[in-house]
Amino acid sequence: MNNVLSRKPPGSFWAISILALLWNGIGCFQYFALTTATDEQLATMFSAAERTIFQSTPAWVTGAFAIAVFGGLIGALALLARKAWARILFILSLIAVVVQHSWTFVFSGYLDIMPATAAIGPVLVVIVGIFEIWYAGNAVKRGWLR
């Protein structure tokens, strides 16, 4: 009987899963906002130097961005559905984040035109991604995910 009870996730599991869904949903919103923005809209969001970098982004980086946000969103949905493969999706999402950010921060020259504080958001994304992987793995070990 204890084994069955221990597999029921606590309330914190549901709270964290919903927060993960919201976090990754925001990422999807940002993806759509950036990939569908017109030149005029980009002009209101970014400086000329930032727009130049943004508009020179290779398709593979945009693809990595899509994999990162949609992998995370589906991973969060899988977490809510108590599926063990949520962890795999979070891993895929984090790998895509690292690929995307490696271009942005290493190869694009973005940090040449932006202050170092511009890296805070992307670092936070990586930290949350690592947490999601850890949390899903921990949930599998505790029997909360099947």
N, C-alpha and C. Protein backbone atom coordinates (compact mmCIF):
# COMPACT_ATOMS: atom_id res chain seq x y z
N MET A 1 0.82 -1.19 0.00
CA MET A 1 0.00 0.00 0.00
C MET A 1 0.87 1.26 0.00
N ASN A 2 1.97 1.28 0.76
CA ASN A 2 2.85 2.46 0.78
C ASN A 2 3.45 2.73 -0.59
N ASN A 3 3.79 1.65 -1.32
CA ASN A 3 4.39 1.81 -2.63
C ASN A 3 3.43 2.53 -3.58
N VAL A 4 2.15 2.19 -3.52
CA VAL A 4 1.17 2.84 -4.37
C VAL A 4 1.02 4.31 -3.98
N LEU A 5 0.98 4.59 -2.69
CA LEU A 5 0.85 5.97 -2.23
C LEU A 5 2.06 6.81 -2.59
N SER A 6 3.25 6.22 -2.56
CA SER A 6 4.46 6.98 -2.85
C SER A 6 4.53 7.38 -4.32
N ARG A 7 3.74 6.72 -5.18
CA ARG A 7 3.76 7.06 -6.60
C ARG A 7 2.85 8.23 -6.93
N LYS A 8 2.01 8.61 -6.00
CA LYS A 8 1.15 9.76 -6.23
C LYS A 8 1.98 11.03 -6.01
N PRO A 9 2.05 11.88 -7.03
CA PRO A 9 2.86 13.09 -6.87
C PRO A 9 2.24 14.06 -5.87
N PRO A 10 3.08 14.79 -5.17
CA PRO A 10 2.58 15.79 -4.22
C PRO A 10 2.07 17.02 -4.97
N GLY A 11 1.42 17.90 -4.25
CA GLY A 11 0.93 19.15 -4.84
C GLY A 11 2.03 19.97 -5.47
N SER A 12 3.23 19.92 -4.91
CA SER A 12 4.34 20.69 -5.47
C SER A 12 4.69 20.22 -6.88
N PHE A 13 4.48 18.93 -7.16
CA PHE A 13 4.72 18.41 -8.50
C PHE A 13 3.82 19.13 -9.51
N TRP A 14 2.55 19.26 -9.16
CA TRP A 14 1.59 19.90 -10.06
C TRP A 14 1.91 21.39 -10.21
N ALA A 15 2.30 22.03 -9.14
CA ALA A 15 2.65 23.45 -9.21
C ALA A 15 3.87 23.66 -10.10
N ILE A 16 4.89 22.84 -9.92
CA ILE A 16 6.11 22.96 -10.73
C ILE A 16 5.81 22.62 -12.18
N SER A 17 4.99 21.63 -12.41
CA SER A 17 4.63 21.25 -13.78
C SER A 17 3.87 22.37 -14.49
N ILE A 18 2.96 23.02 -13.79
CA ILE A 18 2.22 24.14 -14.38
C ILE A 18 3.15 25.32 -14.64
N LEU A 19 4.07 25.57 -13.71
CA LEU A 19 5.05 26.65 -13.94
C LEU A 19 5.92 26.33 -15.15
N ALA A 20 6.30 25.07 -15.30
CA ALA A 20 7.10 24.66 -16.47
C ALA A 20 6.30 24.89 -17.76
N LEU A 21 5.01 24.57 -17.71
CA LEU A 21 4.16 24.79 -18.88
C LEU A 21 4.07 26.28 -19.22
N LEU A 22 3.88 27.11 -18.21
CA LEU A 22 3.82 28.55 -18.44
C LEU A 22 5.14 29.09 -18.97
N TRP A 23 6.25 28.68 -18.36
CA TRP A 23 7.59 29.12 -18.78
C TRP A 23 7.82 28.77 -20.24
N ASN A 24 7.55 27.53 -20.60
CA ASN A 24 7.79 27.10 -21.97
C ASN A 24 6.77 27.71 -22.94
N GLY A 25 5.57 27.99 -22.46
CA GLY A 25 4.59 28.69 -23.28
C GLY A 25 5.05 30.09 -23.62
N ILE A 26 5.68 30.76 -22.66
CA ILE A 26 6.24 32.09 -22.92
C ILE A 26 7.33 31.99 -23.99
N GLY A 27 8.13 30.95 -23.92
CA GLY A 27 9.16 30.74 -24.95
C GLY A 27 8.55 30.57 -26.33
N CYS A 28 7.45 29.83 -26.43
CA CYS A 28 6.76 29.66 -27.72
C CYS A 28 6.20 30.99 -28.20
N PHE A 29 5.65 31.76 -27.29
CA PHE A 29 5.14 33.09 -27.65
C PHE A 29 6.27 33.95 -28.21
N GLN A 30 7.43 33.93 -27.56
CA GLN A 30 8.57 34.72 -28.04
C GLN A 30 9.01 34.24 -29.42
N TYR A 31 9.02 32.92 -29.61
CA TYR A 31 9.39 32.38 -30.92
C TYR A 31 8.46 32.93 -32.00
N PHE A 32 7.14 32.83 -31.78
CA PHE A 32 6.19 33.32 -32.77
C PHE A 32 6.31 34.82 -32.96
N ALA A 33 6.49 35.56 -31.87
CA ALA A 33 6.62 37.02 -31.96
C ALA A 33 7.83 37.41 -32.80
N LEU A 34 8.94 36.73 -32.60
CA LEU A 34 10.16 37.09 -33.32
C LEU A 34 10.16 36.60 -34.76
N THR A 35 9.64 35.40 -34.99
CA THR A 35 9.71 34.84 -36.34
C THR A 35 8.63 35.37 -37.27
N THR A 36 7.61 35.99 -36.73
CA THR A 36 6.55 36.54 -37.58
C THR A 36 6.56 38.07 -37.62
N ALA A 37 7.50 38.68 -36.92
CA ALA A 37 7.55 40.15 -36.85
C ALA A 37 7.94 40.74 -38.21
N THR A 38 7.31 41.84 -38.54
CA THR A 38 7.66 42.58 -39.75
C THR A 38 8.89 43.43 -39.47
N ASP A 39 9.47 43.98 -40.53
CA ASP A 39 10.63 44.86 -40.36
C ASP A 39 10.27 46.06 -39.48
N GLU A 40 9.07 46.58 -39.64
CA GLU A 40 8.63 47.72 -38.84
C GLU A 40 8.53 47.34 -37.36
N GLN A 41 7.99 46.16 -37.09
CA GLN A 41 7.88 45.71 -35.70
C GLN A 41 9.27 45.47 -35.10
N LEU A 42 10.16 44.88 -35.88
CA LEU A 42 11.53 44.66 -35.39
C LEU A 42 12.21 45.99 -35.08
N ALA A 43 11.91 47.01 -35.86
CA ALA A 43 12.51 48.33 -35.64
C ALA A 43 12.08 48.91 -34.30
N THR A 44 10.89 48.57 -33.84
CA THR A 44 10.45 49.06 -32.53
C THR A 44 11.01 48.23 -31.38
N MET A 45 11.46 47.00 -31.67
CA MET A 45 11.95 46.10 -30.62
C MET A 45 13.46 46.14 -30.45
N PHE A 46 14.18 46.42 -31.54
CA PHE A 46 15.64 46.29 -31.52
C PHE A 46 16.31 47.52 -32.11
N SER A 47 17.57 47.73 -31.68
CA SER A 47 18.38 48.77 -32.30
C SER A 47 18.78 48.29 -33.71
N ALA A 48 19.32 49.21 -34.50
CA ALA A 48 19.73 48.85 -35.86
C ALA A 48 20.78 47.74 -35.84
N ALA A 49 21.73 47.81 -34.91
CA ALA A 49 22.77 46.78 -34.83
C ALA A 49 22.18 45.43 -34.43
N GLU A 50 21.24 45.46 -33.50
CA GLU A 50 20.59 44.20 -33.10
C GLU A 50 19.78 43.61 -34.25
N ARG A 51 19.09 44.47 -35.00
CA ARG A 51 18.30 44.00 -36.15
C ARG A 51 19.20 43.35 -37.19
N THR A 52 20.35 43.93 -37.40
CA THR A 52 21.29 43.36 -38.38
C THR A 52 21.67 41.94 -37.97
N ILE A 53 21.98 41.77 -36.70
CA ILE A 53 22.33 40.43 -36.22
C ILE A 53 21.12 39.51 -36.31
N PHE A 54 19.97 39.98 -35.87
CA PHE A 54 18.76 39.17 -35.89
C PHE A 54 18.42 38.73 -37.32
N GLN A 55 18.51 39.65 -38.26
CA GLN A 55 18.16 39.34 -39.64
C GLN A 55 19.20 38.48 -40.35
N SER A 56 20.39 38.37 -39.77
CA SER A 56 21.42 37.50 -40.36
C SER A 56 21.46 36.13 -39.68
N THR A 57 20.51 35.86 -38.82
CA THR A 57 20.47 34.59 -38.12
C THR A 57 20.26 33.45 -39.11
N PRO A 58 21.15 32.46 -39.10
CA PRO A 58 20.97 31.32 -40.02
C PRO A 58 19.72 30.51 -39.67
N ALA A 59 19.19 29.83 -40.67
CA ALA A 59 17.98 29.03 -40.49
C ALA A 59 18.18 27.94 -39.44
N TRP A 60 19.40 27.39 -39.34
CA TRP A 60 19.61 26.32 -38.36
C TRP A 60 19.50 26.84 -36.93
N VAL A 61 19.80 28.11 -36.72
CA VAL A 61 19.66 28.71 -35.39
C VAL A 61 18.17 28.91 -35.07
N THR A 62 17.42 29.39 -36.05
CA THR A 62 15.98 29.53 -35.87
C THR A 62 15.35 28.16 -35.63
N GLY A 63 15.84 27.15 -36.33
CA GLY A 63 15.36 25.78 -36.11
C GLY A 63 15.67 25.30 -34.70
N ALA A 64 16.86 25.62 -34.22
CA ALA A 64 17.22 25.24 -32.85
C ALA A 64 16.31 25.95 -31.85
N PHE A 65 16.00 27.21 -32.12
CA PHE A 65 15.08 27.98 -31.28
C PHE A 65 13.72 27.27 -31.22
N ALA A 66 13.22 26.84 -32.39
CA ALA A 66 11.92 26.15 -32.44
C ALA A 66 11.97 24.84 -31.65
N ILE A 67 13.03 24.07 -31.84
CA ILE A 67 13.16 22.80 -31.10
C ILE A 67 13.23 23.07 -29.60
N ALA A 68 13.95 24.11 -29.23
CA ALA A 68 14.09 24.45 -27.81
C ALA A 68 12.74 24.76 -27.17
N VAL A 69 11.97 25.65 -27.80
CA VAL A 69 10.73 26.08 -27.16
C VAL A 69 9.62 25.04 -27.26
N PHE A 70 9.49 24.41 -28.42
CA PHE A 70 8.42 23.43 -28.57
C PHE A 70 8.76 22.11 -27.87
N GLY A 71 10.05 21.77 -27.85
CA GLY A 71 10.47 20.60 -27.06
C GLY A 71 10.18 20.80 -25.59
N GLY A 72 10.46 22.01 -25.10
CA GLY A 72 10.18 22.32 -23.70
C GLY A 72 8.69 22.32 -23.40
N LEU A 73 7.89 22.88 -24.32
CA LEU A 73 6.45 22.91 -24.12
C LEU A 73 5.85 21.50 -24.11
N ILE A 74 6.26 20.69 -25.06
CA ILE A 74 5.75 19.30 -25.09
C ILE A 74 6.27 18.53 -23.89
N GLY A 75 7.51 18.81 -23.47
CA GLY A 75 8.05 18.19 -22.26
C GLY A 75 7.23 18.55 -21.03
N ALA A 76 6.82 19.81 -20.93
CA ALA A 76 6.00 20.24 -19.80
C ALA A 76 4.63 19.57 -19.84
N LEU A 77 4.05 19.45 -21.04
CA LEU A 77 2.78 18.74 -21.17
C LEU A 77 2.93 17.27 -20.78
N ALA A 78 4.06 16.67 -21.18
CA ALA A 78 4.33 15.27 -20.81
C ALA A 78 4.50 15.15 -19.30
N LEU A 79 5.12 16.13 -18.69
CA LEU A 79 5.26 16.13 -17.24
C LEU A 79 3.88 16.16 -16.58
N LEU A 80 3.01 17.02 -17.07
CA LEU A 80 1.64 17.08 -16.53
C LEU A 80 0.88 15.78 -16.76
N ALA A 81 1.19 15.10 -17.87
CA ALA A 81 0.55 13.82 -18.17
C ALA A 81 1.25 12.66 -17.45
N ARG A 82 2.28 12.99 -16.68
CA ARG A 82 3.05 12.02 -15.88
C ARG A 82 3.73 10.96 -16.75
N LYS A 83 4.34 11.42 -17.85
CA LYS A 83 5.06 10.55 -18.78
C LYS A 83 6.56 10.71 -18.57
N ALA A 84 7.25 9.58 -18.46
CA ALA A 84 8.69 9.59 -18.19
C ALA A 84 9.48 10.21 -19.34
N TRP A 85 8.95 10.18 -20.56
CA TRP A 85 9.69 10.74 -21.68
C TRP A 85 9.74 12.26 -21.65
N ALA A 86 9.13 12.88 -20.66
CA ALA A 86 9.25 14.33 -20.49
C ALA A 86 10.72 14.71 -20.35
N ARG A 87 11.48 13.88 -19.62
CA ARG A 87 12.91 14.16 -19.40
C ARG A 87 13.68 14.21 -20.72
N ILE A 88 13.37 13.30 -21.62
CA ILE A 88 14.05 13.27 -22.92
C ILE A 88 13.77 14.56 -23.69
N LEU A 89 12.53 15.02 -23.64
CA LEU A 89 12.17 16.26 -24.33
C LEU A 89 12.87 17.46 -23.69
N PHE A 90 12.99 17.47 -22.38
CA PHE A 90 13.70 18.56 -21.72
C PHE A 90 15.19 18.54 -22.08
N ILE A 91 15.76 17.35 -22.21
CA ILE A 91 17.17 17.25 -22.64
C ILE A 91 17.32 17.79 -24.06
N LEU A 92 16.43 17.36 -24.96
CA LEU A 92 16.47 17.85 -26.34
C LEU A 92 16.33 19.37 -26.38
N SER A 93 15.41 19.89 -25.59
CA SER A 93 15.19 21.34 -25.52
C SER A 93 16.46 22.06 -25.06
N LEU A 94 17.11 21.55 -24.03
CA LEU A 94 18.32 22.21 -23.51
C LEU A 94 19.45 22.15 -24.53
N ILE A 95 19.60 21.03 -25.21
CA ILE A 95 20.63 20.94 -26.26
C ILE A 95 20.37 22.00 -27.33
N ALA A 96 19.11 22.15 -27.73
CA ALA A 96 18.76 23.15 -28.74
C ALA A 96 19.03 24.56 -28.24
N VAL A 97 18.76 24.81 -26.96
CA VAL A 97 19.06 26.12 -26.36
C VAL A 97 20.55 26.42 -26.45
N VAL A 98 21.37 25.44 -26.12
CA VAL A 98 22.82 25.63 -26.15
C VAL A 98 23.28 25.90 -27.59
N VAL A 99 22.73 25.17 -28.55
CA VAL A 99 23.08 25.40 -29.95
C VAL A 99 22.69 26.82 -30.36
N GLN A 100 21.47 27.20 -30.04
CA GLN A 100 20.98 28.54 -30.39
C GLN A 100 21.86 29.63 -29.76
N HIS A 101 22.10 29.51 -28.46
CA HIS A 101 22.87 30.53 -27.76
C HIS A 101 24.34 30.53 -28.14
N SER A 102 24.86 29.40 -28.57
CA SER A 102 26.26 29.39 -28.99
C SER A 102 26.44 30.30 -30.21
N TRP A 103 25.49 30.27 -31.13
CA TRP A 103 25.59 31.18 -32.26
C TRP A 103 25.41 32.62 -31.81
N THR A 104 24.38 32.85 -31.01
CA THR A 104 24.07 34.22 -30.59
C THR A 104 25.21 34.86 -29.83
N PHE A 105 25.79 34.13 -28.90
CA PHE A 105 26.78 34.74 -28.01
C PHE A 105 28.23 34.52 -28.42
N VAL A 106 28.48 33.53 -29.27
CA VAL A 106 29.86 33.26 -29.65
C VAL A 106 30.15 33.72 -31.08
N PHE A 107 29.23 33.46 -31.98
CA PHE A 107 29.52 33.68 -33.39
C PHE A 107 28.89 34.92 -34.02
N SER A 108 27.82 35.44 -33.44
CA SER A 108 27.09 36.54 -34.09
C SER A 108 27.65 37.92 -33.79
N GLY A 109 28.44 38.06 -32.74
CA GLY A 109 28.92 39.37 -32.34
C GLY A 109 27.95 40.12 -31.46
N TYR A 110 26.93 39.43 -30.98
CA TYR A 110 25.89 40.05 -30.16
C TYR A 110 26.47 40.72 -28.92
N LEU A 111 27.39 40.06 -28.25
CA LEU A 111 27.97 40.64 -27.03
C LEU A 111 28.88 41.83 -27.31
N ASP A 112 29.27 42.00 -28.58
CA ASP A 112 30.06 43.18 -28.94
C ASP A 112 29.23 44.45 -28.91
N ILE A 113 27.92 44.30 -29.12
CA ILE A 113 27.05 45.49 -29.16
C ILE A 113 26.15 45.60 -27.93
N MET A 114 26.14 44.57 -27.11
CA MET A 114 25.26 44.55 -25.95
C MET A 114 26.09 44.48 -24.67
N PRO A 115 25.55 44.97 -23.57
CA PRO A 115 26.26 44.82 -22.30
C PRO A 115 26.24 43.36 -21.85
N ALA A 116 27.14 43.02 -20.98
CA ALA A 116 27.22 41.64 -20.47
C ALA A 116 25.91 41.21 -19.80
N THR A 117 25.16 42.18 -19.29
CA THR A 117 23.90 41.85 -18.63
C THR A 117 22.87 41.25 -19.60
N ALA A 118 23.11 41.40 -20.91
CA ALA A 118 22.21 40.82 -21.91
C ALA A 118 22.23 39.30 -21.85
N ALA A 119 23.25 38.74 -21.21
CA ALA A 119 23.36 37.28 -21.09
C ALA A 119 22.54 36.72 -19.92
N ILE A 120 22.00 37.58 -19.09
CA ILE A 120 21.26 37.11 -17.90
C ILE A 120 20.06 36.24 -18.29
N GLY A 121 19.26 36.72 -19.23
CA GLY A 121 18.08 35.96 -19.66
C GLY A 121 18.44 34.59 -20.21
N PRO A 122 19.36 34.52 -21.17
CA PRO A 122 19.76 33.21 -21.69
C PRO A 122 20.37 32.28 -20.63
N VAL A 123 21.12 32.84 -19.70
CA VAL A 123 21.66 32.00 -18.61
C VAL A 123 20.52 31.45 -17.77
N LEU A 124 19.52 32.27 -17.51
CA LEU A 124 18.36 31.82 -16.75
C LEU A 124 17.63 30.70 -17.50
N VAL A 125 17.53 30.82 -18.82
CA VAL A 125 16.90 29.78 -19.63
C VAL A 125 17.65 28.45 -19.46
N VAL A 126 18.97 28.51 -19.49
CA VAL A 126 19.77 27.29 -19.31
C VAL A 126 19.57 26.71 -17.91
N ILE A 127 19.56 27.56 -16.90
CA ILE A 127 19.37 27.08 -15.52
C ILE A 127 18.00 26.41 -15.38
N VAL A 128 16.97 27.03 -15.92
CA VAL A 128 15.63 26.43 -15.84
C VAL A 128 15.61 25.10 -16.61
N GLY A 129 16.27 25.06 -17.76
CA GLY A 129 16.35 23.82 -18.54
C GLY A 129 17.02 22.70 -17.75
N ILE A 130 18.11 23.01 -17.07
CA ILE A 130 18.80 22.01 -16.24
C ILE A 130 17.87 21.56 -15.11
N PHE A 131 17.17 22.50 -14.50
CA PHE A 131 16.24 22.15 -13.43
C PHE A 131 15.13 21.23 -13.97
N GLU A 132 14.58 21.53 -15.14
CA GLU A 132 13.51 20.69 -15.70
C GLU A 132 13.99 19.26 -15.93
N ILE A 133 15.20 19.11 -16.44
CA ILE A 133 15.77 17.77 -16.65
C ILE A 133 15.92 17.06 -15.30
N TRP A 134 16.51 17.74 -14.34
CA TRP A 134 16.69 17.15 -13.01
C TRP A 134 15.35 16.77 -12.40
N TYR A 135 14.39 17.68 -12.47
CA TYR A 135 13.10 17.44 -11.83
C TYR A 135 12.37 16.26 -12.47
N ALA A 136 12.39 16.19 -13.79
CA ALA A 136 11.74 15.06 -14.47
C ALA A 136 12.44 13.75 -14.11
N GLY A 137 13.76 13.77 -14.04
CA GLY A 137 14.50 12.56 -13.63
C GLY A 137 14.17 12.15 -12.21
N ASN A 138 14.07 13.13 -11.33
CA ASN A 138 13.71 12.87 -9.94
C ASN A 138 12.29 12.31 -9.85
N ALA A 139 11.40 12.84 -10.68
CA ALA A 139 10.01 12.36 -10.68
C ALA A 139 9.92 10.92 -11.16
N VAL A 140 10.78 10.56 -12.12
CA VAL A 140 10.83 9.17 -12.58
C VAL A 140 11.30 8.27 -11.45
N LYS A 141 12.36 8.66 -10.77
CA LYS A 141 12.90 7.87 -9.65
C LYS A 141 11.88 7.68 -8.54
N ARG A 142 11.06 8.68 -8.31
CA ARG A 142 10.04 8.60 -7.26
C ARG A 142 8.77 7.89 -7.69
N GLY A 143 8.73 7.52 -8.96
CA GLY A 143 7.57 6.80 -9.47
C GLY A 143 6.39 7.68 -9.82
N TRP A 144 6.62 8.99 -9.93
CA TRP A 144 5.54 9.90 -10.29
C TRP A 144 5.25 9.89 -11.79
N LEU A 145 6.28 9.54 -12.57
CA LEU A 145 6.13 9.46 -14.03
C LEU A 145 6.24 8.01 -14.46
N ARG A 146 5.47 7.68 -15.48
CA ARG A 146 5.48 6.30 -16.00
C ARG A 146 6.07 6.29 -17.40
